N, C-alpha and C. Protein backbone atom coordinates (compact mmCIF):
# COMPACT_ATOMS: atom_id res chain seq x y z
N ASN A 1 -4.07 160.97 106.17
CA ASN A 1 -4.40 161.89 105.83
C ASN A 1 -5.13 162.58 106.86
N PRO A 2 -5.73 163.91 106.95
CA PRO A 2 -6.72 164.73 107.04
C PRO A 2 -8.27 164.32 106.62
N ILE A 3 -9.34 164.28 107.32
CA ILE A 3 -10.55 164.14 106.89
C ILE A 3 -11.21 165.62 107.00
N PRO A 4 -11.78 165.56 105.49
CA PRO A 4 -12.05 167.04 105.07
C PRO A 4 -13.52 167.05 106.37
N GLU A 5 -13.80 168.35 106.82
CA GLU A 5 -14.95 168.89 108.34
C GLU A 5 -16.24 168.45 107.35
N ASP A 6 -16.05 168.30 106.19
CA ASP A 6 -17.51 168.73 105.89
C ASP A 6 -18.17 167.10 104.72
N SER A 7 -17.06 165.98 105.42
CA SER A 7 -17.63 164.68 104.90
C SER A 7 -18.71 164.29 105.62
N VAL A 8 -19.44 163.63 104.79
CA VAL A 8 -20.71 163.31 105.23
C VAL A 8 -20.52 161.81 106.88
N PRO A 9 -21.65 161.86 107.15
CA PRO A 9 -21.82 160.64 108.01
C PRO A 9 -21.81 159.50 106.82
N SER A 10 -21.73 158.37 107.37
CA SER A 10 -20.99 157.30 106.87
C SER A 10 -19.77 157.27 106.00
N THR A 11 -19.34 158.02 106.45
CA THR A 11 -17.71 158.39 105.03
C THR A 11 -16.81 156.99 106.30
N VAL A 12 -16.34 156.24 105.29
CA VAL A 12 -15.15 155.31 105.69
C VAL A 12 -13.77 156.40 105.88
N VAL A 13 -13.24 156.13 107.39
CA VAL A 13 -12.01 157.26 107.59
C VAL A 13 -11.30 156.08 107.55
N ALA A 14 -11.19 154.76 108.38
CA ALA A 14 -9.95 153.40 108.38
C ALA A 14 -10.77 152.41 108.28
N VAL A 15 -9.86 151.82 107.92
CA VAL A 15 -10.51 149.83 107.87
C VAL A 15 -9.45 149.24 108.98
N ILE A 16 -10.11 148.45 110.10
CA ILE A 16 -9.04 147.89 110.55
C ILE A 16 -9.56 146.16 110.54
N ASN A 17 -8.12 145.54 110.80
CA ASN A 17 -8.16 144.19 110.65
C ASN A 17 -7.93 143.44 111.84
N VAL A 18 -8.55 142.81 112.49
CA VAL A 18 -7.94 141.99 113.80
C VAL A 18 -8.03 140.67 113.60
N ARG A 19 -6.94 139.53 114.18
CA ARG A 19 -6.95 138.62 114.30
C ARG A 19 -6.62 138.10 115.68
N ASP A 20 -7.19 136.67 115.45
CA ASP A 20 -6.86 135.75 116.82
C ASP A 20 -6.96 134.94 116.25
N ARG A 21 -5.08 134.13 117.54
CA ARG A 21 -4.88 132.91 116.46
C ARG A 21 -5.28 131.80 117.48
N ASP A 22 -6.08 131.95 118.12
CA ASP A 22 -6.68 131.19 118.96
C ASP A 22 -8.11 130.54 118.50
N SER A 23 -8.57 128.96 118.20
CA SER A 23 -9.79 128.28 118.09
C SER A 23 -10.59 128.89 118.41
N GLY A 24 -11.38 128.74 118.17
CA GLY A 24 -13.01 128.50 118.56
C GLY A 24 -13.58 129.99 118.57
N ASP A 25 -14.38 129.66 120.13
CA ASP A 25 -14.95 131.26 120.92
C ASP A 25 -13.78 131.84 121.17
N ARG A 26 -12.41 131.42 121.64
CA ARG A 26 -11.23 132.05 121.65
C ARG A 26 -11.18 133.22 120.89
N GLY A 27 -10.77 132.39 119.64
CA GLY A 27 -10.61 133.12 118.12
C GLY A 27 -11.83 134.14 117.51
N GLN A 28 -12.75 134.42 118.51
CA GLN A 28 -13.94 135.19 117.87
C GLN A 28 -13.45 136.41 118.59
N VAL A 29 -13.75 137.88 117.93
CA VAL A 29 -12.82 138.83 118.16
C VAL A 29 -14.17 139.85 118.43
N SER A 30 -14.27 140.70 118.81
CA SER A 30 -15.16 142.01 118.89
C SER A 30 -14.84 143.13 119.43
N CYS A 31 -14.76 144.44 118.02
CA CYS A 31 -13.86 145.67 118.40
C CYS A 31 -15.07 146.47 118.98
N SER A 32 -14.36 147.73 119.90
CA SER A 32 -15.08 149.26 120.37
C SER A 32 -14.69 150.13 120.18
N ILE A 33 -15.35 151.32 120.44
CA ILE A 33 -14.66 152.36 120.27
C ILE A 33 -14.58 153.29 121.77
N ASP A 34 -13.49 153.79 122.05
CA ASP A 34 -13.78 154.15 123.95
C ASP A 34 -14.07 155.56 123.86
N GLY A 35 -15.14 155.66 124.92
CA GLY A 35 -15.26 157.56 124.65
C GLY A 35 -16.38 157.44 123.69
N ASP A 36 -16.79 159.00 123.51
CA ASP A 36 -17.96 159.74 122.90
C ASP A 36 -18.02 160.36 121.59
N LEU A 37 -17.46 159.61 120.86
CA LEU A 37 -16.80 160.42 119.45
C LEU A 37 -18.10 160.21 118.35
N PRO A 38 -17.53 161.39 117.54
CA PRO A 38 -18.69 161.05 115.95
C PRO A 38 -17.73 160.25 115.04
N PHE A 39 -17.62 158.81 115.66
CA PHE A 39 -17.39 157.81 114.53
C PHE A 39 -17.86 156.54 115.51
N ARG A 40 -17.69 155.78 114.67
CA ARG A 40 -18.59 154.52 114.74
C ARG A 40 -17.82 153.03 114.36
N LEU A 41 -17.68 152.04 114.60
CA LEU A 41 -17.33 150.99 114.00
C LEU A 41 -18.12 149.94 113.80
N GLU A 42 -18.03 149.88 112.25
CA GLU A 42 -19.27 148.13 111.69
C GLU A 42 -18.17 147.53 111.28
N PRO A 43 -18.41 146.20 111.19
CA PRO A 43 -17.98 145.31 110.88
C PRO A 43 -18.19 144.87 109.71
N SER A 44 -17.50 144.52 109.02
CA SER A 44 -16.98 144.68 107.07
C SER A 44 -17.44 143.53 106.81
N SER A 45 -15.89 142.71 106.91
CA SER A 45 -16.26 141.47 106.42
C SER A 45 -15.67 139.92 107.97
N GLU A 46 -15.23 139.18 108.01
CA GLU A 46 -14.28 138.61 108.74
C GLU A 46 -13.27 139.28 109.15
N ASN A 47 -13.09 139.50 110.81
CA ASN A 47 -12.01 140.19 111.12
C ASN A 47 -11.56 141.77 110.92
N THR A 48 -12.92 141.97 109.74
CA THR A 48 -12.43 143.61 109.76
C THR A 48 -13.31 144.28 109.73
N TYR A 49 -13.30 145.62 110.31
CA TYR A 49 -13.92 146.47 110.70
C TYR A 49 -13.86 147.79 109.89
N LYS A 50 -15.21 148.82 109.57
CA LYS A 50 -14.11 149.99 109.00
C LYS A 50 -14.91 151.53 110.21
N LEU A 51 -14.08 151.97 110.46
CA LEU A 51 -13.91 153.05 110.98
C LEU A 51 -14.78 154.35 110.18
N VAL A 52 -16.40 154.54 110.61
CA VAL A 52 -17.03 155.46 110.02
C VAL A 52 -17.49 156.70 110.17
N ILE A 53 -17.16 157.90 110.10
CA ILE A 53 -18.10 159.20 110.78
C ILE A 53 -19.39 158.92 111.26
N ALA A 54 -19.97 159.19 112.55
CA ALA A 54 -21.24 159.14 112.87
C ALA A 54 -22.41 160.32 112.52
N THR A 55 -21.49 161.00 112.67
CA THR A 55 -22.48 162.78 112.90
C THR A 55 -21.02 163.61 112.24
N ALA A 56 -21.68 164.79 111.37
CA ALA A 56 -21.02 165.97 111.28
C ALA A 56 -19.82 166.00 112.13
N LEU A 57 -18.60 166.64 111.48
CA LEU A 57 -17.85 166.78 112.06
C LEU A 57 -17.27 168.91 112.03
N ASP A 58 -16.90 169.27 112.75
CA ASP A 58 -16.63 170.74 112.57
C ASP A 58 -15.05 171.05 113.70
N ARG A 59 -14.49 171.41 112.51
CA ARG A 59 -12.97 171.98 112.95
C ARG A 59 -12.33 173.06 113.75
N GLU A 60 -13.15 173.86 113.85
CA GLU A 60 -13.32 174.90 114.52
C GLU A 60 -13.79 174.87 116.03
N ILE A 61 -14.76 173.37 116.01
CA ILE A 61 -15.14 172.94 117.36
C ILE A 61 -13.74 172.30 117.96
N VAL A 62 -13.14 170.75 116.88
CA VAL A 62 -12.19 170.14 117.48
C VAL A 62 -11.41 170.03 116.05
N SER A 63 -9.75 169.86 116.40
CA SER A 63 -9.23 170.17 114.99
C SER A 63 -8.97 168.10 114.61
N SER A 64 -8.66 167.33 116.25
CA SER A 64 -8.08 166.42 115.89
C SER A 64 -9.22 165.40 116.95
N TYR A 65 -8.83 163.88 116.47
CA TYR A 65 -9.27 163.12 117.60
C TYR A 65 -8.21 161.88 117.56
N ASN A 66 -8.44 161.95 118.84
CA ASN A 66 -7.51 160.41 119.55
C ASN A 66 -8.71 159.21 119.99
N ILE A 67 -8.81 158.55 118.80
CA ILE A 67 -9.64 157.31 119.15
C ILE A 67 -8.74 155.83 118.92
N SER A 68 -9.07 155.57 120.04
CA SER A 68 -8.83 154.36 120.96
C SER A 68 -9.83 153.11 120.91
N ILE A 69 -9.05 152.31 120.09
CA ILE A 69 -10.13 151.03 119.50
C ILE A 69 -9.44 149.35 120.69
N THR A 70 -10.39 149.19 121.05
CA THR A 70 -9.80 147.91 121.93
C THR A 70 -10.70 146.98 120.94
N ALA A 71 -9.98 145.41 120.95
CA ALA A 71 -10.33 144.40 120.58
C ALA A 71 -10.17 143.11 121.74
N ARG A 72 -11.69 142.33 121.75
CA ARG A 72 -11.23 141.95 123.51
C ARG A 72 -12.01 140.38 122.24
N ASP A 73 -11.51 139.55 122.84
CA ASP A 73 -11.93 138.28 122.62
C ASP A 73 -12.91 137.59 123.35
N ARG A 74 -13.68 136.05 122.81
CA ARG A 74 -14.54 135.41 123.81
C ARG A 74 -14.14 134.45 124.34
N GLY A 75 -12.99 134.68 125.10
CA GLY A 75 -12.15 133.64 125.59
C GLY A 75 -12.87 133.71 126.71
N SER A 76 -12.43 132.80 127.97
CA SER A 76 -12.56 133.42 129.71
C SER A 76 -11.34 132.82 130.26
N PRO A 77 -10.55 133.57 130.57
CA PRO A 77 -10.61 135.02 130.94
C PRO A 77 -10.44 136.02 129.26
N ALA A 78 -11.26 136.86 128.98
CA ALA A 78 -11.44 137.24 128.06
C ALA A 78 -10.01 138.42 127.82
N LEU A 79 -9.40 138.11 126.79
CA LEU A 79 -7.99 138.89 126.50
C LEU A 79 -8.72 140.46 125.51
N SER A 80 -7.77 141.04 125.70
CA SER A 80 -8.10 142.67 124.58
C SER A 80 -6.57 143.06 124.90
N SER A 81 -6.46 144.07 123.37
CA SER A 81 -5.66 144.66 122.72
C SER A 81 -6.41 146.29 122.92
N ARG A 82 -5.56 147.18 123.17
CA ARG A 82 -5.70 148.47 122.12
C ARG A 82 -4.57 149.01 121.29
N ALA A 83 -5.52 149.91 120.50
CA ALA A 83 -4.81 150.76 119.30
C ALA A 83 -5.45 152.34 119.55
N ALA A 84 -4.60 153.37 119.11
CA ALA A 84 -4.70 153.97 119.25
C ALA A 84 -4.35 154.72 117.87
N LEU A 85 -5.65 155.80 116.75
CA LEU A 85 -5.43 156.33 115.81
C LEU A 85 -5.68 157.55 116.32
N VAL A 86 -5.05 158.60 115.08
CA VAL A 86 -5.37 160.13 115.99
C VAL A 86 -5.56 160.66 114.69
N LEU A 87 -6.87 161.30 114.42
CA LEU A 87 -7.35 161.47 112.83
C LEU A 87 -7.75 163.00 113.14
N GLU A 88 -6.56 164.02 112.08
CA GLU A 88 -6.55 165.19 111.93
C GLU A 88 -8.16 165.83 110.97
N VAL A 89 -8.49 166.29 111.58
CA VAL A 89 -9.83 167.31 110.61
C VAL A 89 -9.50 168.36 109.35
N SER A 90 -9.47 168.32 108.27
CA SER A 90 -8.79 169.71 107.86
C SER A 90 -10.56 170.62 107.88
N ASP A 91 -9.59 171.60 107.58
CA ASP A 91 -10.44 172.90 107.02
C ASP A 91 -10.88 172.93 106.18
N VAL A 92 -12.55 173.02 106.16
CA VAL A 92 -13.05 174.11 104.92
C VAL A 92 -13.88 175.24 104.85
N ASN A 93 -13.84 176.27 103.68
CA ASN A 93 -14.02 177.23 103.86
C ASN A 93 -15.52 177.26 103.89
N ASP A 94 -15.88 177.60 105.15
CA ASP A 94 -17.67 177.69 105.14
C ASP A 94 -18.33 179.22 105.72
N ASN A 95 -17.44 179.75 104.78
CA ASN A 95 -17.88 181.10 105.05
C ASN A 95 -18.99 181.69 103.40
């Protein structure tokens, strides 16, 4: 579903669940967003992150966002995996 451009910062737009079947430190996973986007990841609970709006959105400037999320474990060498999300921004009459 599109995200309305008048959504306030801290609005949750997605919940991401990550897991690593390794035990110990190798099973600990951290996630990050690639690039400079108006979103941030917040840890929610074990293995779960919330993707939230960090700053105001403006559909007239950017109508959709390609968000790349990288999950990296604490193994040595560290292994990682990447997933991509496309978030559409819906227009709100701002006249």
